[in-house]
Amino acid sequence: MKIFVYKVIFVMVSLFFLFNFTIGYQIRKVENKISNVSSKENISVLKNKLKEEITNGIKKDKIFKEDERILIKKFVNKIISELELNKID
């Protein structure tokens, strides 16, 4: 019985470290990225970058490629058809 308890404790500690070094590490990495994006200075940088990209897109003659236009059109038509079905209900 004593050996069983030691084995269970060893397995639990091993699983704890395994989790922290694999899944826990990935979770902390994602949390750090989210906290970096949500800082005020990064938000202002993202806003400025978005404004620049929108301005550059407006200056272009065509924003999307042909395959992108077809894909977006199909997606918008699907959304419209679903909204019309819900409107009837």
N, C-alpha and C. Protein backbone atom coordinates (compact mmCIF):
# COMPACT_ATOMS: atom_id res chain seq x y z
N MET A 1 0.83 -1.19 0.00
CA MET A 1 0.00 0.00 0.00
C MET A 1 0.87 1.25 0.00
N LYS A 2 1.95 1.21 0.73
CA LYS A 2 2.85 2.34 0.83
C LYS A 2 3.48 2.64 -0.53
N ILE A 3 3.85 1.61 -1.27
CA ILE A 3 4.46 1.78 -2.58
C ILE A 3 3.45 2.37 -3.56
N PHE A 4 2.20 1.92 -3.44
CA PHE A 4 1.14 2.45 -4.30
C PHE A 4 0.97 3.95 -4.11
N VAL A 5 0.97 4.40 -2.87
CA VAL A 5 0.83 5.83 -2.57
C VAL A 5 2.00 6.60 -3.16
N TYR A 6 3.22 6.09 -3.04
CA TYR A 6 4.39 6.76 -3.61
C TYR A 6 4.29 6.83 -5.13
N LYS A 7 3.83 5.75 -5.75
CA LYS A 7 3.69 5.74 -7.20
C LYS A 7 2.64 6.75 -7.66
N VAL A 8 1.53 6.82 -6.94
CA VAL A 8 0.47 7.77 -7.29
C VAL A 8 0.98 9.20 -7.15
N ILE A 9 1.68 9.49 -6.09
CA ILE A 9 2.25 10.83 -5.89
C ILE A 9 3.25 11.15 -6.99
N PHE A 10 4.10 10.21 -7.34
CA PHE A 10 5.08 10.41 -8.41
C PHE A 10 4.39 10.66 -9.75
N VAL A 11 3.35 9.90 -10.05
CA VAL A 11 2.63 10.08 -11.32
C VAL A 11 1.93 11.43 -11.34
N MET A 12 1.33 11.83 -10.25
CA MET A 12 0.63 13.13 -10.19
C MET A 12 1.61 14.28 -10.37
N VAL A 13 2.75 14.22 -9.70
CA VAL A 13 3.76 15.27 -9.85
C VAL A 13 4.29 15.29 -11.28
N SER A 14 4.50 14.12 -11.85
CA SER A 14 4.99 14.04 -13.23
C SER A 14 3.98 14.64 -14.20
N LEU A 15 2.71 14.32 -14.02
CA LEU A 15 1.67 14.89 -14.87
C LEU A 15 1.58 16.40 -14.72
N PHE A 16 1.73 16.88 -13.50
CA PHE A 16 1.71 18.32 -13.26
C PHE A 16 2.82 19.02 -14.04
N PHE A 17 4.04 18.50 -13.95
CA PHE A 17 5.16 19.11 -14.68
C PHE A 17 5.00 18.96 -16.18
N LEU A 18 4.51 17.83 -16.62
CA LEU A 18 4.28 17.62 -18.04
C LEU A 18 3.28 18.62 -18.59
N PHE A 19 2.20 18.84 -17.85
CA PHE A 19 1.19 19.82 -18.26
C PHE A 19 1.78 21.21 -18.33
N ASN A 20 2.53 21.60 -17.29
CA ASN A 20 3.09 22.96 -17.26
C ASN A 20 4.12 23.19 -18.35
N PHE A 21 4.88 22.19 -18.71
CA PHE A 21 5.91 22.37 -19.72
C PHE A 21 5.37 22.25 -21.13
N THR A 22 4.16 21.74 -21.31
CA THR A 22 3.61 21.61 -22.66
C THR A 22 2.42 22.54 -22.84
N ILE A 23 1.27 22.15 -22.35
CA ILE A 23 0.04 22.92 -22.55
C ILE A 23 0.08 24.23 -21.78
N GLY A 24 0.56 24.21 -20.57
CA GLY A 24 0.63 25.43 -19.77
C GLY A 24 1.51 26.48 -20.41
N TYR A 25 2.59 26.06 -21.03
CA TYR A 25 3.49 26.99 -21.71
C TYR A 25 2.78 27.66 -22.87
N GLN A 26 2.04 26.90 -23.65
CA GLN A 26 1.31 27.45 -24.79
C GLN A 26 0.22 28.42 -24.32
N ILE A 27 -0.45 28.09 -23.24
CA ILE A 27 -1.48 28.97 -22.70
C ILE A 27 -0.88 30.29 -22.24
N ARG A 28 0.24 30.23 -21.55
CA ARG A 28 0.90 31.46 -21.10
C ARG A 28 1.35 32.30 -22.28
N LYS A 29 1.82 31.66 -23.34
CA LYS A 29 2.27 32.39 -24.53
C LYS A 29 1.11 33.15 -25.18
N VAL A 30 -0.04 32.50 -25.27
CA VAL A 30 -1.22 33.15 -25.84
C VAL A 30 -1.70 34.29 -24.94
N GLU A 31 -1.68 34.07 -23.64
CA GLU A 31 -2.07 35.13 -22.71
C GLU A 31 -1.17 36.34 -22.84
N ASN A 32 0.13 36.13 -23.00
CA ASN A 32 1.06 37.24 -23.17
C ASN A 32 0.78 38.01 -24.45
N LYS A 33 0.48 37.29 -25.52
CA LYS A 33 0.16 37.97 -26.78
C LYS A 33 -1.10 38.81 -26.65
N ILE A 34 -2.10 38.27 -25.97
CA ILE A 34 -3.35 39.00 -25.78
C ILE A 34 -3.12 40.24 -24.93
N SER A 35 -2.34 40.12 -23.88
CA SER A 35 -2.08 41.29 -23.03
C SER A 35 -1.24 42.32 -23.77
N ASN A 36 -0.34 41.89 -24.66
CA ASN A 36 0.44 42.84 -25.44
C ASN A 36 -0.44 43.60 -26.42
N VAL A 37 -1.39 42.93 -27.03
CA VAL A 37 -2.27 43.58 -28.00
C VAL A 37 -3.21 44.54 -27.30
N SER A 38 -3.61 44.23 -26.09
CA SER A 38 -4.59 45.06 -25.40
C SER A 38 -3.98 46.27 -24.69
N SER A 39 -2.67 46.45 -24.77
CA SER A 39 -2.09 47.64 -24.15
C SER A 39 -2.44 48.88 -24.98
N LYS A 40 -2.50 50.04 -24.33
CA LYS A 40 -2.95 51.26 -25.00
C LYS A 40 -2.06 51.67 -26.16
N GLU A 41 -0.76 51.52 -26.01
CA GLU A 41 0.14 51.94 -27.08
C GLU A 41 0.01 51.01 -28.28
N ASN A 42 -0.18 49.72 -28.04
CA ASN A 42 -0.35 48.79 -29.16
C ASN A 42 -1.69 49.01 -29.86
N ILE A 43 -2.71 49.39 -29.10
CA ILE A 43 -4.00 49.67 -29.72
C ILE A 43 -3.88 50.87 -30.64
N SER A 44 -3.17 51.92 -30.21
CA SER A 44 -3.01 53.09 -31.08
C SER A 44 -2.18 52.76 -32.31
N VAL A 45 -1.17 51.90 -32.16
CA VAL A 45 -0.37 51.47 -33.32
C VAL A 45 -1.24 50.69 -34.30
N LEU A 46 -2.09 49.79 -33.78
CA LEU A 46 -2.98 49.02 -34.64
C LEU A 46 -4.00 49.91 -35.34
N LYS A 47 -4.52 50.93 -34.64
CA LYS A 47 -5.46 51.86 -35.26
C LYS A 47 -4.79 52.61 -36.40
N ASN A 48 -3.57 53.10 -36.16
CA ASN A 48 -2.86 53.84 -37.21
C ASN A 48 -2.57 52.95 -38.41
N LYS A 49 -2.17 51.72 -38.16
CA LYS A 49 -1.89 50.78 -39.24
C LYS A 49 -3.16 50.49 -40.04
N LEU A 50 -4.28 50.32 -39.34
CA LEU A 50 -5.55 50.08 -40.01
C LEU A 50 -5.96 51.26 -40.87
N LYS A 51 -5.77 52.48 -40.35
CA LYS A 51 -6.08 53.68 -41.13
C LYS A 51 -5.22 53.76 -42.39
N GLU A 52 -3.94 53.44 -42.26
CA GLU A 52 -3.04 53.45 -43.41
C GLU A 52 -3.48 52.43 -44.46
N GLU A 53 -3.83 51.24 -44.02
CA GLU A 53 -4.25 50.19 -44.95
C GLU A 53 -5.55 50.56 -45.65
N ILE A 54 -6.49 51.16 -44.92
CA ILE A 54 -7.75 51.59 -45.53
C ILE A 54 -7.48 52.68 -46.56
N THR A 55 -6.62 53.62 -46.21
CA THR A 55 -6.27 54.69 -47.15
C THR A 55 -5.62 54.12 -48.41
N ASN A 56 -4.70 53.18 -48.25
CA ASN A 56 -4.06 52.56 -49.41
C ASN A 56 -5.07 51.77 -50.24
N GLY A 57 -6.01 51.13 -49.59
CA GLY A 57 -7.04 50.39 -50.31
C GLY A 57 -7.95 51.29 -51.10
N ILE A 58 -8.27 52.47 -50.57
CA ILE A 58 -9.13 53.41 -51.27
C ILE A 58 -8.43 53.94 -52.52
N LYS A 59 -7.13 54.12 -52.45
CA LYS A 59 -6.36 54.64 -53.59
C LYS A 59 -6.25 53.65 -54.73
N LYS A 60 -6.36 52.37 -54.44
CA LYS A 60 -6.23 51.35 -55.47
C LYS A 60 -7.46 51.33 -56.37
N ASP A 61 -7.25 50.91 -57.63
CA ASP A 61 -8.35 50.79 -58.56
C ASP A 61 -9.23 49.60 -58.18
N LYS A 62 -8.59 48.46 -57.93
CA LYS A 62 -9.30 47.26 -57.52
C LYS A 62 -8.66 46.75 -56.22
N ILE A 63 -9.48 46.56 -55.24
CA ILE A 63 -8.98 46.13 -53.94
C ILE A 63 -8.79 44.62 -53.90
N PHE A 64 -9.76 43.87 -54.47
CA PHE A 64 -9.75 42.42 -54.39
C PHE A 64 -9.38 41.80 -55.74
N LYS A 65 -8.83 40.61 -55.67
CA LYS A 65 -8.59 39.81 -56.86
C LYS A 65 -9.91 39.17 -57.27
N GLU A 66 -9.95 38.61 -58.47
CA GLU A 66 -11.19 38.04 -58.99
C GLU A 66 -11.73 36.92 -58.10
N ASP A 67 -10.87 36.00 -57.68
CA ASP A 67 -11.34 34.89 -56.84
C ASP A 67 -11.81 35.37 -55.48
N GLU A 68 -11.19 36.42 -54.96
CA GLU A 68 -11.63 36.98 -53.68
C GLU A 68 -13.00 37.63 -53.82
N ARG A 69 -13.22 38.32 -54.94
CA ARG A 69 -14.53 38.95 -55.17
C ARG A 69 -15.64 37.91 -55.24
N ILE A 70 -15.38 36.81 -55.93
CA ILE A 70 -16.39 35.76 -56.05
C ILE A 70 -16.70 35.17 -54.68
N LEU A 71 -15.66 34.91 -53.91
CA LEU A 71 -15.84 34.34 -52.57
C LEU A 71 -16.62 35.27 -51.66
N ILE A 72 -16.28 36.54 -51.66
CA ILE A 72 -16.97 37.51 -50.80
C ILE A 72 -18.43 37.66 -51.24
N LYS A 73 -18.66 37.68 -52.56
CA LYS A 73 -20.03 37.82 -53.06
C LYS A 73 -20.89 36.63 -52.63
N LYS A 74 -20.36 35.43 -52.74
CA LYS A 74 -21.10 34.24 -52.32
C LYS A 74 -21.39 34.29 -50.81
N PHE A 75 -20.41 34.73 -50.04
CA PHE A 75 -20.58 34.82 -48.59
C PHE A 75 -21.66 35.84 -48.22
N VAL A 76 -21.61 37.01 -48.85
CA VAL A 76 -22.60 38.06 -48.56
C VAL A 76 -23.99 37.60 -48.98
N ASN A 77 -24.10 36.94 -50.15
CA ASN A 77 -25.41 36.44 -50.59
C ASN A 77 -25.96 35.41 -49.61
N LYS A 78 -25.09 34.57 -49.08
CA LYS A 78 -25.54 33.57 -48.10
C LYS A 78 -26.05 34.26 -46.84
N ILE A 79 -25.34 35.27 -46.38
CA ILE A 79 -25.78 36.01 -45.19
C ILE A 79 -27.12 36.67 -45.45
N ILE A 80 -27.27 37.28 -46.61
CA ILE A 80 -28.53 37.95 -46.95
C ILE A 80 -29.68 36.95 -46.99
N SER A 81 -29.43 35.80 -47.62
CA SER A 81 -30.50 34.80 -47.70
C SER A 81 -30.89 34.29 -46.31
N GLU A 82 -29.92 34.10 -45.43
CA GLU A 82 -30.25 33.66 -44.06
C GLU A 82 -31.01 34.74 -43.30
N LEU A 83 -30.65 35.99 -43.51
CA LEU A 83 -31.37 37.07 -42.84
C LEU A 83 -32.79 37.19 -43.35
N GLU A 84 -33.01 36.95 -44.64
CA GLU A 84 -34.36 37.02 -45.18
C GLU A 84 -35.20 35.87 -44.66
N LEU A 85 -34.61 34.69 -44.47
CA LEU A 85 -35.37 33.58 -43.91
C LEU A 85 -35.76 33.85 -42.48
N ASN A 86 -34.88 34.46 -41.72
CA ASN A 86 -35.19 34.78 -40.32
C ASN A 86 -36.19 35.92 -40.22
N LYS A 87 -36.22 36.77 -41.23
CA LYS A 87 -37.14 37.90 -41.23
C LYS A 87 -38.58 37.41 -41.34
N ILE A 88 -38.80 36.33 -42.06
CA ILE A 88 -40.13 35.78 -42.24
C ILE A 88 -40.65 35.17 -40.95
N ASP A 89 -39.77 34.55 -40.17
CA ASP A 89 -40.18 33.87 -38.94
C ASP A 89 -40.70 34.81 -37.95
